[in-house]
Amino acid sequence: MDSSELSSKGKKLLEDGKFEEALAFFEQALLKNPNDPDLLNDKGVALRSLGRYDEAIECFNKSLEIDPRDKHSS
């Protein structure tokens, strides 16, 4: 499974509220693609959902370091 497939599965699990499982998929995807800002952001969301705020902030900050632009602004 490539990183985009792992990410897709992680996002589905996140939507279903299965945060631990989602986190595992994002971590696997990051092993294949460690500097993907979107994956780091997704991992941060999963960590935040688990109440692991310090780790989530690290992921969000690393994502911003790699890609400081706000892709979602119009």
PDB file of N, CA and C in Angstrom:
ATOM      1  N   MET A   1       0.848  -1.186   0.000  1.00  0.00           N
ATOM      2  CA  MET A   1       0.000   0.000   0.000  1.00  0.00           C
ATOM      3  C   MET A   1       0.892   1.249   0.000  1.00  0.00           C
ATOM      4  N   ASP A   2       0.597   2.190  -0.883  1.00  0.00           N
ATOM      5  CA  ASP A   2       1.421   3.401  -0.910  1.00  0.00           C
ATOM      6  C   ASP A   2       0.880   4.434   0.080  1.00  0.00           C
ATOM      7  N   SER A   3       1.605   5.528   0.217  1.00  0.00           N
ATOM      8  CA  SER A   3       1.253   6.503   1.252  1.00  0.00           C
ATOM      9  C   SER A   3      -0.123   7.128   1.021  1.00  0.00           C
ATOM     10  N   SER A   4      -0.520   7.307  -0.242  1.00  0.00           N
ATOM     11  CA  SER A   4      -1.838   7.913  -0.480  1.00  0.00           C
ATOM     12  C   SER A   4      -2.963   6.957  -0.100  1.00  0.00           C
ATOM     13  N   GLU A   5      -2.774   5.659  -0.328  1.00  0.00           N
ATOM     14  CA  GLU A   5      -3.778   4.676   0.098  1.00  0.00           C
ATOM     15  C   GLU A   5      -3.866   4.623   1.624  1.00  0.00           C
ATOM     16  N   LEU A   6      -2.705   4.631   2.272  1.00  0.00           N
ATOM     17  CA  LEU A   6      -2.676   4.626   3.731  1.00  0.00           C
ATOM     18  C   LEU A   6      -3.363   5.873   4.281  1.00  0.00           C
ATOM     19  N   SER A   7      -3.093   7.010   3.654  1.00  0.00           N
ATOM     20  CA  SER A   7      -3.697   8.262   4.073  1.00  0.00           C
ATOM     21  C   SER A   7      -5.213   8.225   3.911  1.00  0.00           C
ATOM     22  N   SER A   8      -5.690   7.698   2.794  1.00  0.00           N
ATOM     23  CA  SER A   8      -7.134   7.606   2.557  1.00  0.00           C
ATOM     24  C   SER A   8      -7.815   6.748   3.609  1.00  0.00           C
ATOM     25  N   LYS A   9      -7.195   5.616   3.938  1.00  0.00           N
ATOM     26  CA  LYS A   9      -7.756   4.748   4.971  1.00  0.00           C
ATOM     27  C   LYS A   9      -7.753   5.458   6.321  1.00  0.00           C
ATOM     28  N   GLY A  10      -6.671   6.171   6.607  1.00  0.00           N
ATOM     29  CA  GLY A  10      -6.583   6.925   7.853  1.00  0.00           C
ATOM     30  C   GLY A  10      -7.670   7.979   7.955  1.00  0.00           C
ATOM     31  N   LYS A  11      -7.907   8.692   6.865  1.00  0.00           N
ATOM     32  CA  LYS A  11      -8.935   9.739   6.869  1.00  0.00           C
ATOM     33  C   LYS A  11     -10.315   9.145   7.104  1.00  0.00           C
ATOM     34  N   LYS A  12     -10.592   7.996   6.499  1.00  0.00           N
ATOM     35  CA  LYS A  12     -11.890   7.333   6.692  1.00  0.00           C
ATOM     36  C   LYS A  12     -12.054   6.939   8.163  1.00  0.00           C
ATOM     37  N   LEU A  13     -11.007   6.376   8.746  1.00  0.00           N
ATOM     38  CA  LEU A  13     -11.058   5.989  10.156  1.00  0.00           C
ATOM     39  C   LEU A  13     -11.250   7.215  11.047  1.00  0.00           C
ATOM     40  N   LEU A  14     -10.598   8.315  10.690  1.00  0.00           N
ATOM     41  CA  LEU A  14     -10.743   9.563  11.442  1.00  0.00           C
ATOM     42  C   LEU A  14     -12.201  10.017  11.435  1.00  0.00           C
ATOM     43  N   GLU A  15     -12.817   9.976  10.243  1.00  0.00           N
ATOM     44  CA  GLU A  15     -14.227  10.355  10.116  1.00  0.00           C
ATOM     45  C   GLU A  15     -15.122   9.448  10.964  1.00  0.00           C
ATOM     46  N   ASP A  16     -14.734   8.184  11.086  1.00  0.00           N
ATOM     47  CA  ASP A  16     -15.520   7.211  11.851  1.00  0.00           C
ATOM     48  C   ASP A  16     -15.245   7.279  13.347  1.00  0.00           C
ATOM     49  N   GLY A  17     -14.334   8.190  13.746  1.00  0.00           N
ATOM     50  CA  GLY A  17     -14.032   8.340  15.165  1.00  0.00           C
ATOM     51  C   GLY A  17     -13.074   7.295  15.700  1.00  0.00           C
ATOM     52  N   LYS A  18     -12.406   6.581  14.802  1.00  0.00           N
ATOM     53  CA  LYS A  18     -11.441   5.544  15.211  1.00  0.00           C
ATOM     54  C   LYS A  18     -10.042   6.154  15.161  1.00  0.00           C
ATOM     55  N   PHE A  19      -9.768   6.996  16.161  1.00  0.00           N
ATOM     56  CA  PHE A  19      -8.576   7.834  16.121  1.00  0.00           C
ATOM     57  C   PHE A  19      -7.276   7.053  16.260  1.00  0.00           C
ATOM     58  N   GLU A  20      -7.245   6.056  17.136  1.00  0.00           N
ATOM     59  CA  GLU A  20      -6.020   5.251  17.311  1.00  0.00           C
ATOM     60  C   GLU A  20      -5.670   4.544  16.008  1.00  0.00           C
ATOM     61  N   GLU A  21      -6.688   3.947  15.366  1.00  0.00           N
ATOM     62  CA  GLU A  21      -6.454   3.235  14.113  1.00  0.00           C
ATOM     63  C   GLU A  21      -6.022   4.199  13.015  1.00  0.00           C
ATOM     64  N   ALA A  22      -6.666   5.361  12.965  1.00  0.00           N
ATOM     65  CA  ALA A  22      -6.305   6.371  11.968  1.00  0.00           C
ATOM     66  C   ALA A  22      -4.854   6.796  12.151  1.00  0.00           C
ATOM     67  N   LEU A  23      -4.472   7.022  13.390  1.00  0.00           N
ATOM     68  CA  LEU A  23      -3.105   7.431  13.698  1.00  0.00           C
ATOM     69  C   LEU A  23      -2.098   6.410  13.178  1.00  0.00           C
ATOM     70  N   ALA A  24      -2.411   5.135  13.354  1.00  0.00           N
ATOM     71  CA  ALA A  24      -1.505   4.070  12.880  1.00  0.00           C
ATOM     72  C   ALA A  24      -1.318   4.146  11.363  1.00  0.00           C
ATOM     73  N   PHE A  25      -2.391   4.416  10.634  1.00  0.00           N
ATOM     74  CA  PHE A  25      -2.280   4.523   9.177  1.00  0.00           C
ATOM     75  C   PHE A  25      -1.464   5.741   8.779  1.00  0.00           C
ATOM     76  N   PHE A  26      -1.688   6.876   9.463  1.00  0.00           N
ATOM     77  CA  PHE A  26      -0.908   8.075   9.134  1.00  0.00           C
ATOM     78  C   PHE A  26       0.572   7.859   9.441  1.00  0.00           C
ATOM     79  N   GLU A  27       0.863   7.157  10.535  1.00  0.00           N
ATOM     80  CA  GLU A  27       2.263   6.890  10.868  1.00  0.00           C
ATOM     81  C   GLU A  27       2.911   5.983   9.823  1.00  0.00           C
ATOM     82  N   GLN A  28       2.180   4.983   9.350  1.00  0.00           N
ATOM     83  CA  GLN A  28       2.714   4.112   8.284  1.00  0.00           C
ATOM     84  C   GLN A  28       2.972   4.922   7.014  1.00  0.00           C
ATOM     85  N   ALA A  29       2.028   5.793   6.671  1.00  0.00           N
ATOM     86  CA  ALA A  29       2.180   6.616   5.470  1.00  0.00           C
ATOM     87  C   ALA A  29       3.389   7.535   5.600  1.00  0.00           C
ATOM     88  N   LEU A  30       3.602   8.078   6.797  1.00  0.00           N
ATOM     89  CA  LEU A  30       4.745   8.974   7.017  1.00  0.00           C
ATOM     90  C   LEU A  30       6.077   8.239   6.951  1.00  0.00           C
ATOM     91  N   LEU A  31       6.081   6.940   7.233  1.00  0.00           N
ATOM     92  CA  LEU A  31       7.309   6.164   7.067  1.00  0.00           C
ATOM     93  C   LEU A  31       7.713   6.136   5.596  1.00  0.00           C
ATOM     94  N   LYS A  32       6.727   6.125   4.718  1.00  0.00           N
ATOM     95  CA  LYS A  32       6.990   6.094   3.278  1.00  0.00           C
ATOM     96  C   LYS A  32       7.232   7.486   2.716  1.00  0.00           C
ATOM     97  N   ASN A  33       6.637   8.491   3.343  1.00  0.00           N
ATOM     98  CA  ASN A  33       6.689   9.852   2.832  1.00  0.00           C
ATOM     99  C   ASN A  33       6.789  10.832   4.009  1.00  0.00           C
ATOM    100  N   PRO A  34       7.952  10.870   4.681  1.00  0.00           N
ATOM    101  CA  PRO A  34       8.074  11.586   5.957  1.00  0.00           C
ATOM    102  C   PRO A  34       7.927  13.100   5.894  1.00  0.00           C
ATOM    103  N   ASN A  35       8.048  13.704   4.732  1.00  0.00           N
ATOM    104  CA  ASN A  35       7.964  15.161   4.642  1.00  0.00           C
ATOM    105  C   ASN A  35       6.708  15.637   3.936  1.00  0.00           C
ATOM    106  N   ASP A  36       5.644  14.853   4.016  1.00  0.00           N
ATOM    107  CA  ASP A  36       4.377  15.238   3.407  1.00  0.00           C
ATOM    108  C   ASP A  36       3.595  16.087   4.416  1.00  0.00           C
ATOM    109  N   PRO A  37       3.444  17.396   4.135  1.00  0.00           N
ATOM    110  CA  PRO A  37       2.780  18.265   5.113  1.00  0.00           C
ATOM    111  C   PRO A  37       1.334  17.863   5.380  1.00  0.00           C
ATOM    112  N   ASP A  38       0.647  17.340   4.370  1.00  0.00           N
ATOM    113  CA  ASP A  38      -0.749  16.929   4.572  1.00  0.00           C
ATOM    114  C   ASP A  38      -0.844  15.733   5.513  1.00  0.00           C
ATOM    115  N   LEU A  39       0.087  14.791   5.363  1.00  0.00           N
ATOM    116  CA  LEU A  39       0.110  13.636   6.265  1.00  0.00           C
ATOM    117  C   LEU A  39       0.419  14.070   7.690  1.00  0.00           C
ATOM    118  N   LEU A  40       1.360  14.988   7.824  1.00  0.00           N
ATOM    119  CA  LEU A  40       1.693  15.494   9.159  1.00  0.00           C
ATOM    120  C   LEU A  40       0.486  16.184   9.784  1.00  0.00           C
ATOM    121  N   ASN A  41      -0.234  16.919   8.976  1.00  0.00           N
ATOM    122  CA  ASN A  41      -1.422  17.602   9.466  1.00  0.00           C
ATOM    123  C   ASN A  41      -2.483  16.576   9.901  1.00  0.00           C
ATOM    124  N   ASP A  42      -2.688  15.542   9.071  1.00  0.00           N
ATOM    125  CA  ASP A  42      -3.662  14.494   9.409  1.00  0.00           C
ATOM    126  C   ASP A  42      -3.270  13.783  10.701  1.00  0.00           C
ATOM    127  N   LYS A  43      -1.977  13.496  10.842  1.00  0.00           N
ATOM    128  CA  LYS A  43      -1.505  12.860  12.074  1.00  0.00           C
ATOM    129  C   LYS A  43      -1.780  13.773  13.263  1.00  0.00           C
ATOM    130  N   GLY A  44      -1.566  15.077  13.079  1.00  0.00           N
ATOM    131  CA  GLY A  44      -1.850  16.034  14.139  1.00  0.00           C
ATOM    132  C   GLY A  44      -3.319  16.040  14.540  1.00  0.00           C
ATOM    133  N   VAL A  45      -4.200  15.941  13.553  1.00  0.00           N
ATOM    134  CA  VAL A  45      -5.637  15.903  13.838  1.00  0.00           C
ATOM    135  C   VAL A  45      -5.977  14.664  14.660  1.00  0.00           C
ATOM    136  N   ALA A  46      -5.403  13.518  14.273  1.00  0.00           N
ATOM    137  CA  ALA A  46      -5.650  12.271  15.008  1.00  0.00           C
ATOM    138  C   ALA A  46      -5.135  12.384  16.443  1.00  0.00           C
ATOM    139  N   LEU A  47      -3.936  12.923  16.599  1.00  0.00           N
ATOM    140  CA  LEU A  47      -3.365  13.090  17.936  1.00  0.00           C
ATOM    141  C   LEU A  47      -4.207  14.037  18.783  1.00  0.00           C
ATOM    142  N   ARG A  48      -4.645  15.132  18.170  1.00  0.00           N
ATOM    143  CA  ARG A  48      -5.485  16.089  18.890  1.00  0.00           C
ATOM    144  C   ARG A  48      -6.786  15.417  19.338  1.00  0.00           C
ATOM    145  N   SER A  49      -7.348  14.594  18.472  1.00  0.00           N
ATOM    146  CA  SER A  49      -8.590  13.891  18.799  1.00  0.00           C
ATOM    147  C   SER A  49      -8.404  12.918  19.955  1.00  0.00           C
ATOM    148  N   LEU A  50      -7.178  12.441  20.126  1.00  0.00           N
ATOM    149  CA  LEU A  50      -6.851  11.524  21.222  1.00  0.00           C
ATOM    150  C   LEU A  50      -6.437  12.271  22.491  1.00  0.00           C
ATOM    151  N   GLY A  51      -6.421  13.605  22.425  1.00  0.00           N
ATOM    152  CA  GLY A  51      -6.036  14.403  23.583  1.00  0.00           C
ATOM    153  C   GLY A  51      -4.530  14.507  23.763  1.00  0.00           C
ATOM    154  N   ARG A  52      -3.771  14.130  22.742  1.00  0.00           N
ATOM    155  CA  ARG A  52      -2.309  14.179  22.800  1.00  0.00           C
ATOM    156  C   ARG A  52      -1.849  15.492  22.164  1.00  0.00           C
ATOM    157  N   TYR A  53      -2.134  16.587  22.887  1.00  0.00           N
ATOM    158  CA  TYR A  53      -2.002  17.922  22.309  1.00  0.00           C
ATOM    159  C   TYR A  53      -0.569  18.327  21.999  1.00  0.00           C
ATOM    160  N   ASP A  54       0.373  17.990  22.867  1.00  0.00           N
ATOM    161  CA  ASP A  54       1.764  18.377  22.616  1.00  0.00           C
ATOM    162  C   ASP A  54       2.283  17.734  21.337  1.00  0.00           C
ATOM    163  N   GLU A  55       1.967  16.446  21.165  1.00  0.00           N
ATOM    164  CA  GLU A  55       2.408  15.745  19.954  1.00  0.00           C
ATOM    165  C   GLU A  55       1.704  16.309  18.723  1.00  0.00           C
ATOM    166  N   ALA A  56       0.423  16.653  18.878  1.00  0.00           N
ATOM    167  CA  ALA A  56      -0.329  17.229  17.758  1.00  0.00           C
ATOM    168  C   ALA A  56       0.301  18.542  17.315  1.00  0.00           C
ATOM    169  N   ILE A  57       0.646  19.395  18.286  1.00  0.00           N
ATOM    170  CA  ILE A  57       1.257  20.688  17.966  1.00  0.00           C
ATOM    171  C   ILE A  57       2.579  20.486  17.222  1.00  0.00           C
ATOM    172  N   GLU A  58       3.358  19.494  17.635  1.00  0.00           N
ATOM    173  CA  GLU A  58       4.616  19.200  16.934  1.00  0.00           C
ATOM    174  C   GLU A  58       4.352  18.865  15.475  1.00  0.00           C
ATOM    175  N   CYS A  59       3.329  18.054  15.232  1.00  0.00           N
ATOM    176  CA  CYS A  59       2.994  17.682  13.850  1.00  0.00           C
ATOM    177  C   CYS A  59       2.546  18.894  13.048  1.00  0.00           C
ATOM    178  N   PHE A  60       1.676  19.717  13.651  1.00  0.00           N
ATOM    179  CA  PHE A  60       1.193  20.898  12.936  1.00  0.00           C
ATOM    180  C   PHE A  60       2.351  21.852  12.628  1.00  0.00           C
ATOM    181  N   ASN A  61       3.243  22.037  13.595  1.00  0.00           N
ATOM    182  CA  ASN A  61       4.380  22.938  13.377  1.00  0.00           C
ATOM    183  C   ASN A  61       5.308  22.412  12.292  1.00  0.00           C
ATOM    184  N   LYS A  62       5.563  21.104  12.300  1.00  0.00           N
ATOM    185  CA  LYS A  62       6.438  20.527  11.281  1.00  0.00           C
ATOM    186  C   LYS A  62       5.799  20.654   9.898  1.00  0.00           C
ATOM    187  N   SER A  63       4.487  20.439   9.830  1.00  0.00           N
ATOM    188  CA  SER A  63       3.762  20.598   8.571  1.00  0.00           C
ATOM    189  C   SER A  63       3.910  22.018   8.037  1.00  0.00           C
ATOM    190  N   LEU A  64       3.785  23.005   8.927  1.00  0.00           N
ATOM    191  CA  LEU A  64       3.916  24.406   8.521  1.00  0.00           C
ATOM    192  C   LEU A  64       5.333  24.766   8.115  1.00  0.00           C
ATOM    193  N   GLU A  65       6.324  24.130   8.759  1.00  0.00           N
ATOM    194  CA  GLU A  65       7.717  24.379   8.376  1.00  0.00           C
ATOM    195  C   GLU A  65       7.970  23.906   6.948  1.00  0.00           C
ATOM    196  N   ILE A  66       7.391  22.760   6.611  1.00  0.00           N
ATOM    197  CA  ILE A  66       7.594  22.186   5.277  1.00  0.00           C
ATOM    198  C   ILE A  66       6.828  22.992   4.229  1.00  0.00           C
ATOM    199  N   ASP A  67       5.598  23.373   4.576  1.00  0.00           N
ATOM    200  CA  ASP A  67       4.750  24.088   3.633  1.00  0.00           C
ATOM    201  C   ASP A  67       4.005  25.204   4.372  1.00  0.00           C
ATOM    202  N   PRO A  68       4.612  26.388   4.427  1.00  0.00           N
ATOM    203  CA  PRO A  68       4.037  27.475   5.221  1.00  0.00           C
ATOM    204  C   PRO A  68       2.795  28.109   4.612  1.00  0.00           C
ATOM    205  N   ARG A  69       2.470  27.795   3.376  1.00  0.00           N
ATOM    206  CA  ARG A  69       1.309  28.410   2.751  1.00  0.00           C
ATOM    207  C   ARG A  69       0.024  27.800   3.293  1.00  0.00           C
ATOM    208  N   ASP A  70      -1.004  28.593   3.331  1.00  0.00           N
ATOM    209  CA  ASP A  70      -2.333  28.101   3.691  1.00  0.00           C
ATOM    210  C   ASP A  70      -3.025  27.720   2.391  1.00  0.00           C
ATOM    211  N   LYS A  71      -3.036  26.437   2.091  1.00  0.00           N
ATOM    212  CA  LYS A  71      -3.576  25.964   0.826  1.00  0.00           C
ATOM    213  C   LYS A  71      -5.093  26.139   0.749  1.00  0.00           C
ATOM    214  N   HIS A  72      -5.739  26.254   1.896  1.00  0.00           N
ATOM    215  CA  HIS A  72      -7.198  26.242   1.893  1.00  0.00           C
ATOM    216  C   HIS A  72      -7.805  27.633   1.896  1.00  0.00           C
ATOM    217  N   SER A  73      -6.967  28.656   1.865  1.00  0.00           N
ATOM    218  CA  SER A  73      -7.538  30.004   1.826  1.00  0.00           C
ATOM    219  C   SER A  73      -7.849  30.366   0.368  1.00  0.00           C
ATOM    220  N   SER A  74      -8.846  31.217   0.199  1.00  0.00           N
ATOM    221  CA  SER A  74      -9.236  31.567  -1.180  1.00  0.00           C
ATOM    222  C   SER A  74      -8.698  32.916  -1.583  1.00  0.00           C
TER     223      SER A  74
END
